[in-house]
Amino acid sequence: MARSEPITRLEVAACPTHRMDVKHYTSHEVGCDCLSADRRDALATRLADARAEGNPLAEMAE
């Protein structure tokens, strides 16, 4: 599945080692190759909550 949303600050915080490697995130709608499916699901929930709260971590990473 290809990503439809930009990489967020929260996702980069979950995997700071690969923050400069955009391809590392493209295979997943939320998260990256380093995270297990369970961790990506948990991250998706945290991201949805952050967006609902207007948290800056839900904004696109620079």
C-alpha atoms as a PDB file:
ATOM      1  CA  MET A   1       0.000   0.000   0.000  1.00  0.00           C
ATOM      2  CA  ALA A   2       1.322   3.415  -0.867  1.00  0.00           C
ATOM      3  CA  ARG A   3       1.192   6.255   1.612  1.00  0.00           C
ATOM      4  CA  SER A   4      -1.455   8.896   0.986  1.00  0.00           C
ATOM      5  CA  GLU A   5      -0.541  11.314   3.811  1.00  0.00           C
ATOM      6  CA  PRO A   6       2.731  13.160   4.454  1.00  0.00           C
ATOM      7  CA  ILE A   7       5.133  11.888   7.112  1.00  0.00           C
ATOM      8  CA  THR A   8       4.331  13.500  10.450  1.00  0.00           C
ATOM      9  CA  ARG A   9       6.508  14.654  13.317  1.00  0.00           C
ATOM     10  CA  LEU A  10       5.031  11.907  15.492  1.00  0.00           C
ATOM     11  CA  GLU A  11       6.144   9.234  13.017  1.00  0.00           C
ATOM     12  CA  VAL A  12       9.649  10.681  12.856  1.00  0.00           C
ATOM     13  CA  ALA A  13       9.769  10.673  16.659  1.00  0.00           C
ATOM     14  CA  ALA A  14       8.847   6.972  16.605  1.00  0.00           C
ATOM     15  CA  CYS A  15      11.797   6.193  14.311  1.00  0.00           C
ATOM     16  CA  PRO A  16      14.378   9.008  14.509  1.00  0.00           C
ATOM     17  CA  THR A  17      17.141   6.848  13.046  1.00  0.00           C
ATOM     18  CA  HIS A  18      15.609   7.016   9.565  1.00  0.00           C
ATOM     19  CA  ARG A  19      14.100  10.512   9.657  1.00  0.00           C
ATOM     20  CA  MET A  20      15.938  11.579   6.516  1.00  0.00           C
ATOM     21  CA  ASP A  21      15.039   8.468   4.482  1.00  0.00           C
ATOM     22  CA  VAL A  22      11.591   9.119   2.973  1.00  0.00           C
ATOM     23  CA  LYS A  23      11.544   5.711   1.259  1.00  0.00           C
ATOM     24  CA  HIS A  24      11.645   4.089   4.689  1.00  0.00           C
ATOM     25  CA  TYR A  25       8.084   5.337   5.319  1.00  0.00           C
ATOM     26  CA  THR A  26       6.450   4.833   1.904  1.00  0.00           C
ATOM     27  CA  SER A  27       5.351   1.215   2.366  1.00  0.00           C
ATOM     28  CA  HIS A  28       3.028   2.039   5.251  1.00  0.00           C
ATOM     29  CA  GLU A  29       0.128   4.440   5.681  1.00  0.00           C
ATOM     30  CA  VAL A  30       1.371   5.209   9.211  1.00  0.00           C
ATOM     31  CA  GLY A  31       4.806   4.428  10.573  1.00  0.00           C
ATOM     32  CA  CYS A  32       7.774   2.789   8.926  1.00  0.00           C
ATOM     33  CA  ASP A  33       9.544  -0.466   8.174  1.00  0.00           C
ATOM     34  CA  CYS A  34      11.138  -0.611  11.676  1.00  0.00           C
ATOM     35  CA  LEU A  35       7.819  -0.813  13.507  1.00  0.00           C
ATOM     36  CA  SER A  36       5.821  -3.999  13.937  1.00  0.00           C
ATOM     37  CA  ALA A  37       2.205  -4.050  12.777  1.00  0.00           C
ATOM     38  CA  ASP A  38       1.051  -3.656  16.388  1.00  0.00           C
ATOM     39  CA  ARG A  39       3.270  -0.623  16.925  1.00  0.00           C
ATOM     40  CA  ARG A  40       2.096   0.925  13.635  1.00  0.00           C
ATOM     41  CA  ASP A  41      -1.533   0.418  14.738  1.00  0.00           C
ATOM     42  CA  ALA A  42      -0.804   2.061  18.086  1.00  0.00           C
ATOM     43  CA  LEU A  43       0.953   4.907  16.298  1.00  0.00           C
ATOM     44  CA  ALA A  44      -2.053   5.362  14.001  1.00  0.00           C
ATOM     45  CA  THR A  45      -4.276   5.718  17.060  1.00  0.00           C
ATOM     46  CA  ARG A  46      -1.903   8.236  18.660  1.00  0.00           C
ATOM     47  CA  LEU A  47      -1.725  10.159  15.385  1.00  0.00           C
ATOM     48  CA  ALA A  48      -5.520  10.318  15.079  1.00  0.00           C
ATOM     49  CA  ASP A  49      -5.734  11.573  18.665  1.00  0.00           C
ATOM     50  CA  ALA A  50      -3.016  14.165  18.023  1.00  0.00           C
ATOM     51  CA  ARG A  51      -4.849  15.418  14.920  1.00  0.00           C
ATOM     52  CA  ALA A  52      -8.117  15.686  16.844  1.00  0.00           C
ATOM     53  CA  GLU A  53      -6.371  17.705  19.574  1.00  0.00           C
ATOM     54  CA  GLY A  54      -4.547  19.964  17.119  1.00  0.00           C
ATOM     55  CA  ASN A  55      -1.226  18.716  18.478  1.00  0.00           C
ATOM     56  CA  PRO A  56       1.753  19.994  16.426  1.00  0.00           C
ATOM     57  CA  LEU A  57       3.183  16.451  16.377  1.00  0.00           C
ATOM     58  CA  ALA A  58       0.469  15.612  13.845  1.00  0.00           C
ATOM     59  CA  GLU A  59       1.864  18.164  11.403  1.00  0.00           C
ATOM     60  CA  MET A  60       4.063  17.265   8.464  1.00  0.00           C
ATOM     61  CA  ALA A  61       7.719  16.658   9.316  1.00  0.00           C
ATOM     62  CA  GLU A  62      10.193  19.042   7.764  1.00  0.00           C
END
